[in-house]
């Protein structure tokens, strides 16, 4: 299990690497997959979330804290770096 990412943060001014899912404490909450993602602490409501299934600071690669690999940042996921995107929240 690698804690390093090969994906870059999408900004021209920096060459920083994205954080791994485990470093960010990312997890996909399958129980909430079909929920209204406009309410709650989901990736969908985070300022770092890039629709449809990416994050500006956490890599899509690797496993989450449950040791599962989905190859994406799910809208029903959550991590320790979550910051509210008030434009998406209801």
N, C-alpha and C. Protein backbone atom coordinates (compact mmCIF):
# COMPACT_ATOMS: atom_id res chain seq x y z
N UNK A 1 0.85 -1.17 0.00
CA UNK A 1 0.00 0.00 0.00
C UNK A 1 0.90 1.23 0.00
N UNK A 2 0.85 1.99 -1.07
CA UNK A 2 1.65 3.19 -1.20
C UNK A 2 0.92 4.40 -0.64
N UNK A 3 1.65 5.23 0.07
CA UNK A 3 1.06 6.47 0.60
C UNK A 3 1.45 7.66 -0.27
N UNK A 4 2.05 7.39 -1.40
CA UNK A 4 2.45 8.45 -2.32
C UNK A 4 1.53 8.47 -3.53
N UNK A 5 1.37 9.64 -4.11
CA UNK A 5 0.51 9.81 -5.28
C UNK A 5 1.35 10.24 -6.47
N UNK A 6 0.89 9.89 -7.66
CA UNK A 6 1.56 10.35 -8.88
C UNK A 6 0.79 11.49 -9.54
N UNK A 7 -0.38 11.88 -8.97
CA UNK A 7 -1.19 12.95 -9.54
C UNK A 7 -0.78 14.29 -8.95
N UNK A 8 -0.74 15.32 -9.80
CA UNK A 8 -0.39 16.67 -9.36
C UNK A 8 -1.63 17.48 -9.02
N UNK A 9 -1.47 18.44 -8.12
CA UNK A 9 -2.52 19.40 -7.85
C UNK A 9 -2.67 20.26 -9.09
N UNK A 10 -3.90 20.47 -9.60
CA UNK A 10 -4.08 21.17 -10.88
C UNK A 10 -3.90 22.67 -10.80
N UNK A 11 -2.67 23.11 -10.63
CA UNK A 11 -2.34 24.53 -10.62
C UNK A 11 -1.00 24.69 -11.32
N UNK A 12 -0.91 25.67 -12.17
CA UNK A 12 0.33 25.88 -12.92
C UNK A 12 1.49 26.33 -12.02
N UNK A 13 1.19 27.01 -10.93
CA UNK A 13 2.22 27.60 -10.09
C UNK A 13 2.88 26.61 -9.14
N UNK A 14 2.41 25.39 -9.07
CA UNK A 14 2.94 24.45 -8.09
C UNK A 14 3.14 23.07 -8.70
N UNK A 15 4.03 22.33 -8.13
CA UNK A 15 4.27 20.95 -8.55
C UNK A 15 4.07 20.01 -7.35
N UNK A 16 3.22 20.39 -6.44
CA UNK A 16 2.94 19.56 -5.27
C UNK A 16 2.15 18.33 -5.67
N UNK A 17 2.36 17.24 -4.96
CA UNK A 17 1.61 16.02 -5.20
C UNK A 17 0.34 16.03 -4.37
N UNK A 18 -0.71 15.41 -4.90
CA UNK A 18 -1.94 15.25 -4.15
C UNK A 18 -1.70 14.31 -2.98
N UNK A 19 -2.53 14.43 -1.97
CA UNK A 19 -2.44 13.54 -0.81
C UNK A 19 -3.08 12.20 -1.15
N UNK A 20 -2.60 11.15 -0.53
CA UNK A 20 -3.23 9.84 -0.72
C UNK A 20 -4.54 9.81 0.03
N UNK A 21 -5.39 8.88 -0.33
CA UNK A 21 -6.68 8.74 0.34
C UNK A 21 -6.50 8.43 1.83
N UNK A 22 -5.55 7.56 2.15
CA UNK A 22 -5.37 7.22 3.56
C UNK A 22 -4.80 8.38 4.37
N UNK A 23 -3.93 9.16 3.79
CA UNK A 23 -3.39 10.34 4.47
C UNK A 23 -4.49 11.34 4.78
N UNK A 24 -5.42 11.51 3.85
CA UNK A 24 -6.54 12.44 4.03
C UNK A 24 -7.66 11.83 4.87
N UNK A 25 -7.51 10.56 5.25
CA UNK A 25 -8.54 9.83 6.01
C UNK A 25 -9.84 9.72 5.21
N UNK A 26 -9.69 9.54 3.89
CA UNK A 26 -10.83 9.44 2.99
C UNK A 26 -11.51 8.09 3.14
N UNK A 27 -12.85 8.12 3.09
CA UNK A 27 -13.63 6.88 3.07
C UNK A 27 -14.89 7.09 2.25
N UNK A 28 -15.30 6.05 1.58
CA UNK A 28 -16.56 6.09 0.83
C UNK A 28 -17.65 5.47 1.68
N UNK A 29 -18.71 6.22 1.85
CA UNK A 29 -19.82 5.80 2.70
C UNK A 29 -20.91 5.19 1.82
N UNK A 30 -20.81 3.90 1.53
CA UNK A 30 -21.74 3.22 0.64
C UNK A 30 -23.19 3.33 1.12
N UNK A 31 -23.38 3.44 2.43
CA UNK A 31 -24.73 3.57 2.98
C UNK A 31 -25.42 4.84 2.48
N UNK A 32 -24.64 5.83 2.06
CA UNK A 32 -25.17 7.11 1.63
C UNK A 32 -25.06 7.34 0.12
N UNK A 33 -24.74 6.30 -0.62
CA UNK A 33 -24.54 6.42 -2.07
C UNK A 33 -25.75 7.02 -2.78
N UNK A 34 -26.96 6.67 -2.35
CA UNK A 34 -28.17 7.15 -3.01
C UNK A 34 -28.85 8.29 -2.24
N UNK A 35 -28.14 8.89 -1.30
CA UNK A 35 -28.69 9.99 -0.50
C UNK A 35 -28.65 11.31 -1.25
N UNK A 36 -29.29 12.32 -0.70
CA UNK A 36 -29.20 13.68 -1.22
C UNK A 36 -27.85 14.24 -0.79
N UNK A 37 -26.91 14.34 -1.70
CA UNK A 37 -25.56 14.77 -1.36
C UNK A 37 -25.44 16.28 -1.16
N UNK A 38 -26.52 17.01 -1.32
CA UNK A 38 -26.52 18.44 -1.05
C UNK A 38 -26.64 18.72 0.45
N UNK A 39 -26.89 17.70 1.24
CA UNK A 39 -26.97 17.84 2.70
C UNK A 39 -25.95 16.90 3.32
N UNK A 40 -25.29 17.33 4.35
CA UNK A 40 -24.33 16.48 5.04
C UNK A 40 -22.89 16.79 4.66
N UNK A 41 -22.01 16.06 5.29
CA UNK A 41 -20.57 16.26 5.13
C UNK A 41 -19.98 15.37 4.04
N UNK A 42 -20.55 15.40 2.86
CA UNK A 42 -20.08 14.57 1.75
C UNK A 42 -19.08 15.35 0.89
N UNK A 43 -18.26 14.62 0.17
CA UNK A 43 -17.33 15.25 -0.77
C UNK A 43 -18.07 16.18 -1.73
N UNK A 44 -19.27 15.81 -2.12
CA UNK A 44 -20.05 16.63 -3.05
C UNK A 44 -20.21 18.06 -2.55
N UNK A 45 -20.27 18.25 -1.24
CA UNK A 45 -20.44 19.57 -0.63
C UNK A 45 -19.12 20.23 -0.22
N UNK A 46 -18.02 19.73 -0.70
CA UNK A 46 -16.70 20.24 -0.30
C UNK A 46 -16.15 21.19 -1.37
N UNK A 47 -15.45 22.22 -0.93
CA UNK A 47 -14.86 23.18 -1.86
C UNK A 47 -13.78 22.54 -2.75
N UNK A 48 -13.21 21.41 -2.34
CA UNK A 48 -12.16 20.76 -3.11
C UNK A 48 -12.69 19.75 -4.13
N UNK A 49 -13.97 19.44 -4.07
CA UNK A 49 -14.55 18.43 -4.96
C UNK A 49 -14.69 18.98 -6.38
N UNK A 50 -14.27 18.17 -7.36
CA UNK A 50 -14.40 18.52 -8.78
C UNK A 50 -15.32 17.48 -9.42
N UNK A 51 -16.50 17.94 -9.83
CA UNK A 51 -17.47 17.01 -10.43
C UNK A 51 -16.90 16.43 -11.71
N UNK A 52 -17.17 15.17 -12.04
CA UNK A 52 -18.10 14.31 -11.34
C UNK A 52 -17.49 13.49 -10.21
N UNK A 53 -16.15 13.25 -10.22
CA UNK A 53 -15.61 12.34 -9.21
C UNK A 53 -14.11 12.53 -8.94
N UNK A 54 -13.71 13.78 -8.73
CA UNK A 54 -12.30 14.08 -8.46
C UNK A 54 -12.18 15.07 -7.31
N UNK A 55 -10.97 15.23 -6.82
CA UNK A 55 -10.67 16.18 -5.75
C UNK A 55 -9.40 16.94 -6.13
N UNK A 56 -9.35 18.21 -5.78
CA UNK A 56 -8.15 18.99 -6.12
C UNK A 56 -6.96 18.66 -5.24
N UNK A 57 -7.18 18.08 -4.06
CA UNK A 57 -6.04 17.84 -3.15
C UNK A 57 -5.85 16.38 -2.74
N UNK A 58 -6.81 15.51 -3.03
CA UNK A 58 -6.70 14.08 -2.70
C UNK A 58 -6.73 13.28 -3.99
N UNK A 59 -5.81 12.34 -4.14
CA UNK A 59 -5.70 11.54 -5.35
C UNK A 59 -6.86 10.55 -5.50
N UNK A 60 -7.18 10.23 -6.76
CA UNK A 60 -8.18 9.19 -7.06
C UNK A 60 -7.60 7.79 -6.85
N UNK A 61 -6.30 7.71 -6.86
CA UNK A 61 -5.59 6.43 -6.82
C UNK A 61 -5.55 5.84 -5.42
N UNK A 62 -5.33 4.54 -5.36
CA UNK A 62 -5.06 3.87 -4.10
C UNK A 62 -6.29 3.53 -3.28
N UNK A 63 -6.02 3.05 -2.09
CA UNK A 63 -7.09 2.58 -1.21
C UNK A 63 -7.48 3.63 -0.19
N UNK A 64 -8.73 3.52 0.29
CA UNK A 64 -9.21 4.41 1.34
C UNK A 64 -8.93 3.79 2.71
N UNK A 65 -9.47 4.36 3.76
CA UNK A 65 -9.20 3.85 5.11
C UNK A 65 -9.81 2.47 5.34
N UNK A 66 -10.76 2.07 4.49
CA UNK A 66 -11.35 0.72 4.56
C UNK A 66 -10.60 -0.27 3.67
N UNK A 67 -9.45 0.16 3.11
CA UNK A 67 -8.62 -0.67 2.24
C UNK A 67 -9.33 -1.03 0.93
N UNK A 68 -10.24 -0.15 0.47
CA UNK A 68 -10.96 -0.34 -0.78
C UNK A 68 -10.47 0.67 -1.81
N UNK A 69 -10.37 0.23 -3.06
CA UNK A 69 -9.92 1.11 -4.14
C UNK A 69 -11.02 1.24 -5.18
N UNK A 70 -11.50 2.47 -5.40
CA UNK A 70 -12.57 2.70 -6.37
C UNK A 70 -12.07 3.43 -7.62
N UNK A 71 -10.88 4.03 -7.54
CA UNK A 71 -10.35 4.77 -8.69
C UNK A 71 -10.99 6.13 -8.87
N UNK A 72 -11.70 6.61 -7.86
CA UNK A 72 -12.36 7.92 -7.94
C UNK A 72 -12.51 8.51 -6.54
N UNK A 73 -12.92 9.77 -6.51
CA UNK A 73 -13.37 10.40 -5.28
C UNK A 73 -14.89 10.46 -5.41
N UNK A 74 -15.57 9.70 -4.61
CA UNK A 74 -17.02 9.57 -4.73
C UNK A 74 -17.74 10.77 -4.11
N UNK A 75 -18.85 11.13 -4.71
CA UNK A 75 -19.64 12.24 -4.16
C UNK A 75 -20.16 11.93 -2.77
N UNK A 76 -20.30 10.65 -2.45
CA UNK A 76 -20.77 10.23 -1.12
C UNK A 76 -19.61 9.89 -0.17
N UNK A 77 -18.40 10.29 -0.55
CA UNK A 77 -17.24 10.08 0.30
C UNK A 77 -17.07 11.22 1.29
N UNK A 78 -16.08 11.08 2.17
CA UNK A 78 -15.76 12.11 3.16
C UNK A 78 -14.29 11.94 3.55
N UNK A 79 -13.64 13.05 3.91
CA UNK A 79 -12.27 12.97 4.41
C UNK A 79 -12.05 14.02 5.49
N UNK A 80 -10.90 13.97 6.11
CA UNK A 80 -10.58 14.87 7.22
C UNK A 80 -10.35 16.31 6.77
N UNK A 81 -10.21 16.54 5.47
CA UNK A 81 -9.91 17.89 4.95
C UNK A 81 -11.15 18.61 4.46
N UNK A 82 -12.32 18.05 4.70
CA UNK A 82 -13.59 18.59 4.20
C UNK A 82 -13.79 20.03 4.63
N UNK A 83 -14.12 20.88 3.64
CA UNK A 83 -14.47 22.28 3.87
C UNK A 83 -15.78 22.54 3.13
N UNK A 84 -16.75 23.18 3.77
CA UNK A 84 -18.06 23.35 3.14
C UNK A 84 -18.05 24.23 1.90
N UNK A 85 -18.78 23.77 0.90
CA UNK A 85 -19.03 24.55 -0.30
C UNK A 85 -20.47 25.03 -0.18
N UNK A 86 -20.66 26.20 0.34
CA UNK A 86 -22.00 26.71 0.66
C UNK A 86 -22.88 26.85 -0.58
N UNK A 87 -22.28 26.95 -1.75
CA UNK A 87 -23.06 27.05 -2.98
C UNK A 87 -23.75 25.74 -3.32
N UNK A 88 -23.24 24.62 -2.83
CA UNK A 88 -23.82 23.31 -3.11
C UNK A 88 -24.75 22.83 -2.01
N UNK A 89 -24.61 23.37 -0.82
CA UNK A 89 -25.38 22.87 0.33
C UNK A 89 -26.80 23.42 0.35
N UNK A 90 -27.70 22.61 0.87
CA UNK A 90 -29.10 23.03 1.05
C UNK A 90 -29.39 23.16 2.52
